[in-house]
Amino acid sequence: MTDFEKVHKLVEILDSKKARNIIALDLKGATIIADYFVICTAGSPAQMHALYESACEEMAKVDCPPQRCEGMKNPDWALIDFNGVMLHIFSTNMRDFYGLDNLWAEAEKMEINTIDEI
């Protein structure tokens, strides 16, 4: 699975669980951390957990299990590394606080409201 296909699959998963403000940042050439960041907002700690679990389970089904996970002990932020694609799930306050959308301003930004827009 290519990194872009991973982005597409993650957006599909997040959209199915009603994540808000989904964006993908194309970071190729900007960092060695990942080629893409996928960022979304969860409306509650329960939704954050559901998004986290769904992403891990559904990506594993397509032979792309998470390589590393961080932050699920904190109900405001989670990070899942899918080897080339990093998924960030934030509460509204933490997303505003960290401002990853703006921190990587040089990256191509794909705002996604539904899977059809990717």
PDB file of N, CA and C in Angstrom:
ATOM      1  N   MET A   1       0.847  -1.176   0.000  1.00  0.00           N
ATOM      2  CA  MET A   1       0.000   0.000   0.000  1.00  0.00           C
ATOM      3  C   MET A   1       0.892   1.239   0.000  1.00  0.00           C
ATOM      4  N   THR A   2       0.650   2.147  -0.929  1.00  0.00           N
ATOM      5  CA  THR A   2       1.435   3.380  -0.964  1.00  0.00           C
ATOM      6  C   THR A   2       1.007   4.302   0.171  1.00  0.00           C
ATOM      7  N   ASP A   3       1.841   5.299   0.451  1.00  0.00           N
ATOM      8  CA  ASP A   3       1.485   6.255   1.498  1.00  0.00           C
ATOM      9  C   ASP A   3       0.205   7.008   1.145  1.00  0.00           C
ATOM     10  N   PHE A   4       0.030   7.371  -0.122  1.00  0.00           N
ATOM     11  CA  PHE A   4      -1.193   8.067  -0.509  1.00  0.00           C
ATOM     12  C   PHE A   4      -2.413   7.164  -0.319  1.00  0.00           C
ATOM     13  N   GLU A   5      -2.281   5.876  -0.609  1.00  0.00           N
ATOM     14  CA  GLU A   5      -3.388   4.933  -0.374  1.00  0.00           C
ATOM     15  C   GLU A   5      -3.695   4.826   1.115  1.00  0.00           C
ATOM     16  N   LYS A   6      -2.665   4.879   1.952  1.00  0.00           N
ATOM     17  CA  LYS A   6      -2.872   4.872   3.406  1.00  0.00           C
ATOM     18  C   LYS A   6      -3.666   6.107   3.830  1.00  0.00           C
ATOM     19  N   VAL A   7      -3.304   7.267   3.272  1.00  0.00           N
ATOM     20  CA  VAL A   7      -4.029   8.506   3.577  1.00  0.00           C
ATOM     21  C   VAL A   7      -5.498   8.337   3.201  1.00  0.00           C
ATOM     22  N   HIS A   8      -5.745   7.843   2.013  1.00  0.00           N
ATOM     23  CA  HIS A   8      -7.115   7.654   1.537  1.00  0.00           C
ATOM     24  C   HIS A   8      -7.884   6.724   2.475  1.00  0.00           C
ATOM     25  N   LYS A   9      -7.280   5.609   2.859  1.00  0.00           N
ATOM     26  CA  LYS A   9      -7.942   4.648   3.748  1.00  0.00           C
ATOM     27  C   LYS A   9      -8.204   5.282   5.115  1.00  0.00           C
ATOM     28  N   LEU A  10      -7.230   6.000   5.654  1.00  0.00           N
ATOM     29  CA  LEU A  10      -7.434   6.650   6.954  1.00  0.00           C
ATOM     30  C   LEU A  10      -8.561   7.675   6.901  1.00  0.00           C
ATOM     31  N   VAL A  11      -8.616   8.458   5.845  1.00  0.00           N
ATOM     32  CA  VAL A  11      -9.698   9.440   5.702  1.00  0.00           C
ATOM     33  C   VAL A  11     -11.038   8.722   5.647  1.00  0.00           C
ATOM     34  N   GLU A  12     -11.102   7.622   4.927  1.00  0.00           N
ATOM     35  CA  GLU A  12     -12.338   6.835   4.853  1.00  0.00           C
ATOM     36  C   GLU A  12     -12.756   6.359   6.249  1.00  0.00           C
ATOM     37  N   ILE A  13     -11.801   5.855   7.026  1.00  0.00           N
ATOM     38  CA  ILE A  13     -12.079   5.366   8.381  1.00  0.00           C
ATOM     39  C   ILE A  13     -12.539   6.518   9.275  1.00  0.00           C
ATOM     40  N   LEU A  14     -11.812   7.614   9.257  1.00  0.00           N
ATOM     41  CA  LEU A  14     -12.145   8.762  10.100  1.00  0.00           C
ATOM     42  C   LEU A  14     -13.508   9.346   9.742  1.00  0.00           C
ATOM     43  N   ASP A  15     -13.782   9.434   8.453  1.00  0.00           N
ATOM     44  CA  ASP A  15     -15.066   9.949   7.985  1.00  0.00           C
ATOM     45  C   ASP A  15     -16.211   9.056   8.451  1.00  0.00           C
ATOM     46  N   SER A  16     -16.002   7.754   8.426  1.00  0.00           N
ATOM     47  CA  SER A  16     -17.064   6.823   8.842  1.00  0.00           C
ATOM     48  C   SER A  16     -17.371   6.943  10.328  1.00  0.00           C
ATOM     49  N   LYS A  17     -16.414   7.445  11.105  1.00  0.00           N
ATOM     50  CA  LYS A  17     -16.605   7.626  12.546  1.00  0.00           C
ATOM     51  C   LYS A  17     -16.880   9.083  12.916  1.00  0.00           C
ATOM     52  N   LYS A  18     -17.189   9.899  11.893  1.00  0.00           N
ATOM     53  CA  LYS A  18     -17.604  11.295  12.086  1.00  0.00           C
ATOM     54  C   LYS A  18     -16.536  12.199  12.686  1.00  0.00           C
ATOM     55  N   ALA A  19     -15.269  11.936  12.365  1.00  0.00           N
ATOM     56  CA  ALA A  19     -14.213  12.863  12.775  1.00  0.00           C
ATOM     57  C   ALA A  19     -14.481  14.213  12.116  1.00  0.00           C
ATOM     58  N   ARG A  20     -14.046  15.271  12.773  1.00  0.00           N
ATOM     59  CA  ARG A  20     -14.266  16.616  12.250  1.00  0.00           C
ATOM     60  C   ARG A  20     -12.961  17.206  11.728  1.00  0.00           C
ATOM     61  N   ASN A  21     -13.087  18.148  10.791  1.00  0.00           N
ATOM     62  CA  ASN A  21     -11.957  18.926  10.284  1.00  0.00           C
ATOM     63  C   ASN A  21     -10.770  18.046   9.878  1.00  0.00           C
ATOM     64  N   ILE A  22     -11.046  17.065   9.054  1.00  0.00           N
ATOM     65  CA  ILE A  22      -9.991  16.166   8.588  1.00  0.00           C
ATOM     66  C   ILE A  22      -9.159  16.889   7.531  1.00  0.00           C
ATOM     67  N   ILE A  23      -7.849  16.866   7.718  1.00  0.00           N
ATOM     68  CA  ILE A  23      -6.948  17.376   6.692  1.00  0.00           C
ATOM     69  C   ILE A  23      -5.805  16.382   6.510  1.00  0.00           C
ATOM     70  N   ALA A  24      -5.196  16.440   5.357  1.00  0.00           N
ATOM     71  CA  ALA A  24      -3.979  15.691   5.099  1.00  0.00           C
ATOM     72  C   ALA A  24      -2.930  16.687   4.631  1.00  0.00           C
ATOM     73  N   LEU A  25      -1.726  16.561   5.170  1.00  0.00           N
ATOM     74  CA  LEU A  25      -0.613  17.415   4.780  1.00  0.00           C
ATOM     75  C   LEU A  25       0.407  16.570   4.046  1.00  0.00           C
ATOM     76  N   ASP A  26       0.774  16.992   2.855  1.00  0.00           N
ATOM     77  CA  ASP A  26       1.802  16.323   2.073  1.00  0.00           C
ATOM     78  C   ASP A  26       3.140  16.907   2.504  1.00  0.00           C
ATOM     79  N   LEU A  27       3.929  16.114   3.227  1.00  0.00           N
ATOM     80  CA  LEU A  27       5.190  16.583   3.789  1.00  0.00           C
ATOM     81  C   LEU A  27       6.410  16.050   3.048  1.00  0.00           C
ATOM     82  N   LYS A  28       6.194  15.426   1.904  1.00  0.00           N
ATOM     83  CA  LYS A  28       7.335  14.875   1.159  1.00  0.00           C
ATOM     84  C   LYS A  28       8.350  15.978   0.895  1.00  0.00           C
ATOM     85  N   GLY A  29       9.584  15.729   1.277  1.00  0.00           N
ATOM     86  CA  GLY A  29      10.652  16.706   1.083  1.00  0.00           C
ATOM     87  C   GLY A  29      10.770  17.734   2.189  1.00  0.00           C
ATOM     88  N   ALA A  30       9.782  17.834   3.056  1.00  0.00           N
ATOM     89  CA  ALA A  30       9.809  18.820   4.139  1.00  0.00           C
ATOM     90  C   ALA A  30      10.376  18.236   5.433  1.00  0.00           C
ATOM     91  N   THR A  31      10.265  16.913   5.614  1.00  0.00           N
ATOM     92  CA  THR A  31      10.726  16.264   6.837  1.00  0.00           C
ATOM     93  C   THR A  31      10.980  14.786   6.564  1.00  0.00           C
ATOM     94  N   ILE A  32      11.808  14.187   7.399  1.00  0.00           N
ATOM     95  CA  ILE A  32      12.027  12.742   7.283  1.00  0.00           C
ATOM     96  C   ILE A  32      11.097  11.961   8.206  1.00  0.00           C
ATOM     97  N   ILE A  33      10.306  12.676   8.992  1.00  0.00           N
ATOM     98  CA  ILE A  33       9.393  12.034   9.944  1.00  0.00           C
ATOM     99  C   ILE A  33       8.344  11.200   9.227  1.00  0.00           C
ATOM    100  N   ALA A  34       7.735  11.760   8.200  1.00  0.00           N
ATOM    101  CA  ALA A  34       6.662  11.087   7.468  1.00  0.00           C
ATOM    102  C   ALA A  34       6.446  11.804   6.146  1.00  0.00           C
ATOM    103  N   ASP A  35       5.829  11.103   5.208  1.00  0.00           N
ATOM    104  CA  ASP A  35       5.455  11.742   3.942  1.00  0.00           C
ATOM    105  C   ASP A  35       4.135  12.490   4.065  1.00  0.00           C
ATOM    106  N   TYR A  36       3.265  12.018   4.955  1.00  0.00           N
ATOM    107  CA  TYR A  36       1.959  12.655   5.158  1.00  0.00           C
ATOM    108  C   TYR A  36       1.616  12.700   6.638  1.00  0.00           C
ATOM    109  N   PHE A  37       0.944  13.766   7.034  1.00  0.00           N
ATOM    110  CA  PHE A  37       0.229  13.837   8.305  1.00  0.00           C
ATOM    111  C   PHE A  37      -1.253  13.844   7.964  1.00  0.00           C
ATOM    112  N   VAL A  38      -2.025  13.065   8.677  1.00  0.00           N
ATOM    113  CA  VAL A  38      -3.476  13.166   8.631  1.00  0.00           C
ATOM    114  C   VAL A  38      -3.875  13.678  10.009  1.00  0.00           C
ATOM    115  N   ILE A  39      -4.654  14.753  10.026  1.00  0.00           N
ATOM    116  CA  ILE A  39      -5.039  15.408  11.278  1.00  0.00           C
ATOM    117  C   ILE A  39      -6.555  15.508  11.327  1.00  0.00           C
ATOM    118  N   CYS A  40      -7.111  15.191  12.494  1.00  0.00           N
ATOM    119  CA  CYS A  40      -8.562  15.331  12.667  1.00  0.00           C
ATOM    120  C   CYS A  40      -8.872  15.722  14.096  1.00  0.00           C
ATOM    121  N   THR A  41     -10.118  16.108  14.303  1.00  0.00           N
ATOM    122  CA  THR A  41     -10.601  16.511  15.620  1.00  0.00           C
ATOM    123  C   THR A  41     -11.681  15.545  16.083  1.00  0.00           C
ATOM    124  N   ALA A  42     -11.567  15.140  17.349  1.00  0.00           N
ATOM    125  CA  ALA A  42     -12.583  14.303  17.989  1.00  0.00           C
ATOM    126  C   ALA A  42     -13.431  15.193  18.895  1.00  0.00           C
ATOM    127  N   GLY A  43     -14.730  14.955  18.908  1.00  0.00           N
ATOM    128  CA  GLY A  43     -15.639  15.781  19.697  1.00  0.00           C
ATOM    129  C   GLY A  43     -15.691  15.440  21.173  1.00  0.00           C
ATOM    130  N   SER A  44     -15.153  14.284  21.544  1.00  0.00           N
ATOM    131  CA  SER A  44     -15.191  13.853  22.940  1.00  0.00           C
ATOM    132  C   SER A  44     -14.112  12.795  23.167  1.00  0.00           C
ATOM    133  N   PRO A  45     -13.776  12.518  24.425  1.00  0.00           N
ATOM    134  CA  PRO A  45     -12.818  11.439  24.692  1.00  0.00           C
ATOM    135  C   PRO A  45     -13.303  10.079  24.162  1.00  0.00           C
ATOM    136  N   ALA A  46     -14.603   9.837  24.231  1.00  0.00           N
ATOM    137  CA  ALA A  46     -15.140   8.573  23.707  1.00  0.00           C
ATOM    138  C   ALA A  46     -14.955   8.482  22.195  1.00  0.00           C
ATOM    139  N   GLN A  47     -15.185   9.591  21.492  1.00  0.00           N
ATOM    140  CA  GLN A  47     -14.978   9.578  20.051  1.00  0.00           C
ATOM    141  C   GLN A  47     -13.492   9.433  19.723  1.00  0.00           C
ATOM    142  N   MET A  48     -12.632  10.067  20.504  1.00  0.00           N
ATOM    143  CA  MET A  48     -11.198   9.925  20.269  1.00  0.00           C
ATOM    144  C   MET A  48     -10.792   8.458  20.368  1.00  0.00           C
ATOM    145  N   HIS A  49     -11.276   7.785  21.392  1.00  0.00           N
ATOM    146  CA  HIS A  49     -10.975   6.360  21.560  1.00  0.00           C
ATOM    147  C   HIS A  49     -11.514   5.552  20.378  1.00  0.00           C
ATOM    148  N   ALA A  50     -12.710   5.853  19.932  1.00  0.00           N
ATOM    149  CA  ALA A  50     -13.307   5.141  18.793  1.00  0.00           C
ATOM    150  C   ALA A  50     -12.502   5.372  17.516  1.00  0.00           C
ATOM    151  N   LEU A  51     -12.068   6.605  17.278  1.00  0.00           N
ATOM    152  CA  LEU A  51     -11.259   6.906  16.105  1.00  0.00           C
ATOM    153  C   LEU A  51      -9.930   6.161  16.159  1.00  0.00           C
ATOM    154  N   TYR A  52      -9.303   6.179  17.315  1.00  0.00           N
ATOM    155  CA  TYR A  52      -8.029   5.500  17.531  1.00  0.00           C
ATOM    156  C   TYR A  52      -8.156   3.999  17.267  1.00  0.00           C
ATOM    157  N   GLU A  53      -9.126   3.380  17.916  1.00  0.00           N
ATOM    158  CA  GLU A  53      -9.326   1.929  17.771  1.00  0.00           C
ATOM    159  C   GLU A  53      -9.681   1.553  16.339  1.00  0.00           C
ATOM    160  N   SER A  54     -10.556   2.306  15.722  1.00  0.00           N
ATOM    161  CA  SER A  54     -10.961   2.009  14.341  1.00  0.00           C
ATOM    162  C   SER A  54      -9.787   2.123  13.384  1.00  0.00           C
ATOM    163  N   ALA A  55      -8.993   3.185  13.541  1.00  0.00           N
ATOM    164  CA  ALA A  55      -7.837   3.363  12.655  1.00  0.00           C
ATOM    165  C   ALA A  55      -6.871   2.196  12.796  1.00  0.00           C
ATOM    166  N   CYS A  56      -6.563   1.806  14.019  1.00  0.00           N
ATOM    167  CA  CYS A  56      -5.637   0.691  14.234  1.00  0.00           C
ATOM    168  C   CYS A  56      -6.188  -0.621  13.679  1.00  0.00           C
ATOM    169  N   GLU A  57      -7.439  -0.912  13.981  1.00  0.00           N
ATOM    170  CA  GLU A  57      -8.043  -2.176  13.543  1.00  0.00           C
ATOM    171  C   GLU A  57      -8.219  -2.244  12.033  1.00  0.00           C
ATOM    172  N   GLU A  58      -8.758  -1.197  11.437  1.00  0.00           N
ATOM    173  CA  GLU A  58      -9.037  -1.222  10.003  1.00  0.00           C
ATOM    174  C   GLU A  58      -7.759  -1.189   9.163  1.00  0.00           C
ATOM    175  N   MET A  59      -6.753  -0.476   9.613  1.00  0.00           N
ATOM    176  CA  MET A  59      -5.490  -0.453   8.876  1.00  0.00           C
ATOM    177  C   MET A  59      -4.777  -1.804   8.989  1.00  0.00           C
ATOM    178  N   ALA A  60      -4.891  -2.457  10.128  1.00  0.00           N
ATOM    179  CA  ALA A  60      -4.299  -3.790  10.276  1.00  0.00           C
ATOM    180  C   ALA A  60      -4.957  -4.783   9.315  1.00  0.00           C
ATOM    181  N   LYS A  61      -6.246  -4.605   9.061  1.00  0.00           N
ATOM    182  CA  LYS A  61      -6.964  -5.492   8.133  1.00  0.00           C
ATOM    183  C   LYS A  61      -6.438  -5.388   6.708  1.00  0.00           C
ATOM    184  N   VAL A  62      -5.838  -4.262   6.354  1.00  0.00           N
ATOM    185  CA  VAL A  62      -5.279  -4.081   5.013  1.00  0.00           C
ATOM    186  C   VAL A  62      -3.748  -4.185   5.056  1.00  0.00           C
ATOM    187  N   ASP A  63      -3.268  -4.938   6.032  1.00  0.00           N
ATOM    188  CA  ASP A  63      -1.846  -5.247   6.185  1.00  0.00           C
ATOM    189  C   ASP A  63      -0.991  -3.999   6.407  1.00  0.00           C
ATOM    190  N   CYS A  64      -1.527  -3.080   7.196  1.00  0.00           N
ATOM    191  CA  CYS A  64      -0.798  -1.860   7.534  1.00  0.00           C
ATOM    192  C   CYS A  64      -0.997  -1.541   9.024  1.00  0.00           C
ATOM    193  N   PRO A  65      -0.509  -2.428   9.897  1.00  0.00           N
ATOM    194  CA  PRO A  65      -0.704  -2.178  11.325  1.00  0.00           C
ATOM    195  C   PRO A  65       0.119  -0.978  11.792  1.00  0.00           C
ATOM    196  N   PRO A  66      -0.292  -0.352  12.881  1.00  0.00           N
ATOM    197  CA  PRO A  66       0.467   0.790  13.388  1.00  0.00           C
ATOM    198  C   PRO A  66       1.864   0.360  13.826  1.00  0.00           C
ATOM    199  N   GLN A  67       2.840   1.215  13.564  1.00  0.00           N
ATOM    200  CA  GLN A  67       4.220   0.959  13.974  1.00  0.00           C
ATOM    201  C   GLN A  67       4.476   1.458  15.389  1.00  0.00           C
ATOM    202  N   ARG A  68       3.821   2.560  15.752  1.00  0.00           N
ATOM    203  CA  ARG A  68       4.005   3.171  17.063  1.00  0.00           C
ATOM    204  C   ARG A  68       2.769   3.993  17.394  1.00  0.00           C
ATOM    205  N   CYS A  69       2.403   3.990  18.649  1.00  0.00           N
ATOM    206  CA  CYS A  69       1.241   4.762  19.109  1.00  0.00           C
ATOM    207  C   CYS A  69       1.647   5.560  20.342  1.00  0.00           C
ATOM    208  N   GLU A  70       1.153   6.766  20.428  1.00  0.00           N
ATOM    209  CA  GLU A  70       1.447   7.646  21.566  1.00  0.00           C
ATOM    210  C   GLU A  70       0.182   8.383  21.977  1.00  0.00           C
ATOM    211  N   GLY A  71       0.091   8.711  23.252  1.00  0.00           N
ATOM    212  CA  GLY A  71      -0.875   9.677  23.712  1.00  0.00           C
ATOM    213  C   GLY A  71      -2.243   9.192  24.139  1.00  0.00           C
ATOM    214  N   MET A  72      -2.563   7.925  23.999  1.00  0.00           N
ATOM    215  CA  MET A  72      -3.932   7.525  24.339  1.00  0.00           C
ATOM    216  C   MET A  72      -4.221   7.571  25.833  1.00  0.00           C
ATOM    217  N   LYS A  73      -3.216   7.751  26.660  1.00  0.00           N
ATOM    218  CA  LYS A  73      -3.468   7.952  28.094  1.00  0.00           C
ATOM    219  C   LYS A  73      -3.989   9.356  28.351  1.00  0.00           C
ATOM    220  N   ASN A  74      -3.810  10.228  27.374  1.00  0.00           N
ATOM    221  CA  ASN A  74      -4.262  11.610  27.446  1.00  0.00           C
ATOM    222  C   ASN A  74      -5.506  11.729  26.558  1.00  0.00           C
ATOM    223  N   PRO A  75      -6.641  12.170  27.094  1.00  0.00           N
ATOM    224  CA  PRO A  75      -7.853  12.228  26.278  1.00  0.00           C
ATOM    225  C   PRO A  75      -7.896  13.378  25.268  1.00  0.00           C
ATOM    226  N   ASP A  76      -6.791  14.120  25.141  1.00  0.00           N
ATOM    227  CA  ASP A  76      -6.776  15.287  24.261  1.00  0.00           C
ATOM    228  C   ASP A  76      -5.979  15.103  22.970  1.00  0.00           C
ATOM    229  N   TRP A  77      -5.186  14.034  22.876  1.00  0.00           N
ATOM    230  CA  TRP A  77      -4.320  13.878  21.714  1.00  0.00           C
ATOM    231  C   TRP A  77      -3.851  12.431  21.588  1.00  0.00           C
ATOM    232  N   ALA A  78      -3.797  11.953  20.367  1.00  0.00           N
ATOM    233  CA  ALA A  78      -3.222  10.636  20.088  1.00  0.00           C
ATOM    234  C   ALA A  78      -2.466  10.719  18.768  1.00  0.00           C
ATOM    235  N   LEU A  79      -1.404   9.952  18.681  1.00  0.00           N
ATOM    236  CA  LEU A  79      -0.581   9.878  17.474  1.00  0.00           C
ATOM    237  C   LEU A  79      -0.396   8.415  17.116  1.00  0.00           C
ATOM    238  N   ILE A  80      -0.636   8.084  15.863  1.00  0.00           N
ATOM    239  CA  ILE A  80      -0.432   6.725  15.383  1.00  0.00           C
ATOM    240  C   ILE A  80       0.446   6.797  14.145  1.00  0.00           C
ATOM    241  N   ASP A  81       1.546   6.044  14.167  1.00  0.00           N
ATOM    242  CA  ASP A  81       2.500   6.006  13.065  1.00  0.00           C
ATOM    243  C   ASP A  81       2.194   4.808  12.183  1.00  0.00           C
ATOM    244  N   PHE A  82       1.812   5.087  10.946  1.00  0.00           N
ATOM    245  CA  PHE A  82       1.548   4.034   9.969  1.00  0.00           C
ATOM    246  C   PHE A  82       2.674   3.970   8.928  1.00  0.00           C
ATOM    247  N   ASN A  83       3.917   4.130   9.392  1.00  0.00           N
ATOM    248  CA  ASN A  83       5.098   3.981   8.540  1.00  0.00           C
ATOM    249  C   ASN A  83       5.010   4.816   7.258  1.00  0.00           C
ATOM    250  N   GLY A  84       5.206   6.097   7.421  1.00  0.00           N
ATOM    251  CA  GLY A  84       5.130   7.029   6.294  1.00  0.00           C
ATOM    252  C   GLY A  84       3.955   7.975   6.402  1.00  0.00           C
ATOM    253  N   VAL A  85       2.960   7.574   7.179  1.00  0.00           N
ATOM    254  CA  VAL A  85       1.769   8.400   7.396  1.00  0.00           C
ATOM    255  C   VAL A  85       1.515   8.458   8.897  1.00  0.00           C
ATOM    256  N   MET A  86       1.483   9.665   9.442  1.00  0.00           N
ATOM    257  CA  MET A  86       1.210   9.875  10.864  1.00  0.00           C
ATOM    258  C   MET A  86      -0.208  10.403  11.020  1.00  0.00           C
ATOM    259  N   LEU A  87      -0.972   9.730  11.858  1.00  0.00           N
ATOM    260  CA  LEU A  87      -2.330  10.166  12.169  1.00  0.00           C
ATOM    261  C   LEU A  87      -2.322  10.873  13.519  1.00  0.00           C
ATOM    262  N   HIS A  88      -2.793  12.121  13.525  1.00  0.00           N
ATOM    263  CA  HIS A  88      -2.940  12.908  14.757  1.00  0.00           C
ATOM    264  C   HIS A  88      -4.431  13.084  15.013  1.00  0.00           C
ATOM    265  N   ILE A  89      -4.878  12.657  16.181  1.00  0.00           N
ATOM    266  CA  ILE A  89      -6.272  12.848  16.598  1.00  0.00           C
ATOM    267  C   ILE A  89      -6.236  13.790  17.795  1.00  0.00           C
ATOM    268  N   PHE A  90      -6.897  14.930  17.667  1.00  0.00           N
ATOM    269  CA  PHE A  90      -6.869  15.955  18.710  1.00  0.00           C
ATOM    270  C   PHE A  90      -8.262  16.263  19.231  1.00  0.00           C
ATOM    271  N   SER A  91      -8.325  16.698  20.495  1.00  0.00           N
ATOM    272  CA  SER A  91      -9.511  17.405  20.968  1.00  0.00           C
ATOM    273  C   SER A  91      -9.453  18.792  20.332  1.00  0.00           C
ATOM    274  N   THR A  92     -10.555  19.503  20.344  1.00  0.00           N
ATOM    275  CA  THR A  92     -10.589  20.841  19.743  1.00  0.00           C
ATOM    276  C   THR A  92      -9.551  21.766  20.375  1.00  0.00           C
ATOM    277  N   ASN A  93      -9.493  21.794  21.704  1.00  0.00           N
ATOM    278  CA  ASN A  93      -8.561  22.695  22.395  1.00  0.00           C
ATOM    279  C   ASN A  93      -7.107  22.372  22.075  1.00  0.00           C
ATOM    280  N   MET A  94      -6.763  21.104  22.069  1.00  0.00           N
ATOM    281  CA  MET A  94      -5.376  20.721  21.800  1.00  0.00           C
ATOM    282  C   MET A  94      -4.989  20.956  20.343  1.00  0.00           C
ATOM    283  N   ARG A  95      -5.927  20.779  19.448  1.00  0.00           N
ATOM    284  CA  ARG A  95      -5.617  21.054  18.043  1.00  0.00           C
ATOM    285  C   ARG A  95      -5.289  22.530  17.858  1.00  0.00           C
ATOM    286  N   ASP A  96      -6.078  23.375  18.489  1.00  0.00           N
ATOM    287  CA  ASP A  96      -5.809  24.819  18.430  1.00  0.00           C
ATOM    288  C   ASP A  96      -4.474  25.155  19.097  1.00  0.00           C
ATOM    289  N   PHE A  97      -4.200  24.520  20.239  1.00  0.00           N
ATOM    290  CA  PHE A  97      -2.985  24.787  20.999  1.00  0.00           C
ATOM    291  C   PHE A  97      -1.733  24.409  20.213  1.00  0.00           C
ATOM    292  N   TYR A  98      -1.703  23.212  19.643  1.00  0.00           N
ATOM    293  CA  TYR A  98      -0.509  22.752  18.928  1.00  0.00           C
ATOM    294  C   TYR A  98      -0.391  23.334  17.524  1.00  0.00           C
ATOM    295  N   GLY A  99      -1.476  23.614  16.885  1.00  0.00           N
ATOM    296  CA  GLY A  99      -1.470  24.284  15.592  1.00  0.00           C
ATOM    297  C   GLY A  99      -0.668  23.600  14.508  1.00  0.00           C
ATOM    298  N   LEU A 100      -0.720  22.266  14.444  1.00  0.00           N
ATOM    299  CA  LEU A 100       0.029  21.548  13.404  1.00  0.00           C
ATOM    300  C   LEU A 100      -0.378  21.986  12.011  1.00  0.00           C
ATOM    301  N   ASP A 101      -1.639  22.348  11.851  1.00  0.00           N
ATOM    302  CA  ASP A 101      -2.120  22.825  10.549  1.00  0.00           C
ATOM    303  C   ASP A 101      -1.279  24.005  10.062  1.00  0.00           C
ATOM    304  N   ASN A 102      -0.882  24.872  10.991  1.00  0.00           N
ATOM    305  CA  ASN A 102      -0.109  26.068  10.647  1.00  0.00           C
ATOM    306  C   ASN A 102       1.398  25.847  10.763  1.00  0.00           C
ATOM    307  N   LEU A 103       1.810  24.957  11.651  1.00  0.00           N
ATOM    308  CA  LEU A 103       3.233  24.686  11.841  1.00  0.00           C
ATOM    309  C   LEU A 103       3.889  24.199  10.552  1.00  0.00           C
ATOM    310  N   TRP A 104       3.148  23.407   9.799  1.00  0.00           N
ATOM    311  CA  TRP A 104       3.647  22.877   8.530  1.00  0.00           C
ATOM    312  C   TRP A 104       3.025  23.648   7.371  1.00  0.00           C
ATOM    313  N   ALA A 105       3.051  24.955   7.449  1.00  0.00           N
ATOM    314  CA  ALA A 105       2.398  25.818   6.455  1.00  0.00           C
ATOM    315  C   ALA A 105       2.938  25.615   5.042  1.00  0.00           C
ATOM    316  N   GLU A 106       4.200  25.175   4.920  1.00  0.00           N
ATOM    317  CA  GLU A 106       4.770  24.981   3.585  1.00  0.00           C
ATOM    318  C   GLU A 106       4.276  23.701   2.918  1.00  0.00           C
ATOM    319  N   ALA A 107       3.647  22.832   3.676  1.00  0.00           N
ATOM    320  CA  ALA A 107       3.142  21.570   3.123  1.00  0.00           C
ATOM    321  C   ALA A 107       1.868  21.812   2.321  1.00  0.00           C
ATOM    322  N   GLU A 108       1.684  20.993   1.300  1.00  0.00           N
ATOM    323  CA  GLU A 108       0.421  21.035   0.563  1.00  0.00           C
ATOM    324  C   GLU A 108      -0.674  20.530   1.493  1.00  0.00           C
ATOM    325  N   LYS A 109      -1.728  21.313   1.637  1.00  0.00           N
ATOM    326  CA  LYS A 109      -2.810  21.000   2.570  1.00  0.00           C
ATOM    327  C   LYS A 109      -4.036  20.542   1.798  1.00  0.00           C
ATOM    328  N   MET A 110      -4.531  19.375   2.159  1.00  0.00           N
ATOM    329  CA  MET A 110      -5.746  18.851   1.550  1.00  0.00           C
ATOM    330  C   MET A 110      -6.828  18.851   2.616  1.00  0.00           C
ATOM    331  N   GLU A 111      -7.766  19.798   2.538  1.00  0.00           N
ATOM    332  CA  GLU A 111      -8.884  19.822   3.475  1.00  0.00           C
ATOM    333  C   GLU A 111      -9.923  18.841   2.976  1.00  0.00           C
ATOM    334  N   ILE A 112     -10.406  18.033   3.885  1.00  0.00           N
ATOM    335  CA  ILE A 112     -11.280  16.943   3.496  1.00  0.00           C
ATOM    336  C   ILE A 112     -12.532  16.954   4.376  1.00  0.00           C
ATOM    337  N   ASN A 113     -13.676  17.139   3.764  1.00  0.00           N
ATOM    338  CA  ASN A 113     -14.914  17.057   4.519  1.00  0.00           C
ATOM    339  C   ASN A 113     -15.573  15.693   4.338  1.00  0.00           C
ATOM    340  N   THR A 114     -15.312  15.077   3.214  1.00  0.00           N
ATOM    341  CA  THR A 114     -15.812  13.707   2.978  1.00  0.00           C
ATOM    342  C   THR A 114     -14.762  12.963   2.173  1.00  0.00           C
ATOM    343  N   ILE A 115     -14.869  11.662   2.137  1.00  0.00           N
ATOM    344  CA  ILE A 115     -13.917  10.820   1.410  1.00  0.00           C
ATOM    345  C   ILE A 115     -13.885  11.175  -0.066  1.00  0.00           C
ATOM    346  N   ASP A 116     -14.970  11.684  -0.612  1.00  0.00           N
ATOM    347  CA  ASP A 116     -15.027  12.020  -2.022  1.00  0.00           C
ATOM    348  C   ASP A 116     -14.113  13.187  -2.392  1.00  0.00           C
ATOM    349  N   GLU A 117     -13.640  13.932  -1.393  1.00  0.00           N
ATOM    350  CA  GLU A 117     -12.841  15.109  -1.672  1.00  0.00           C
ATOM    351  C   GLU A 117     -11.351  14.826  -1.733  1.00  0.00           C
ATOM    352  N   ILE A 118     -10.913  13.615  -1.434  1.00  0.00           N
ATOM    353  CA  ILE A 118      -9.482  13.326  -1.477  1.00  0.00           C
ATOM    354  C   ILE A 118      -9.053  12.944  -2.882  1.00  0.00           C
TER     355      ILE A 118
END
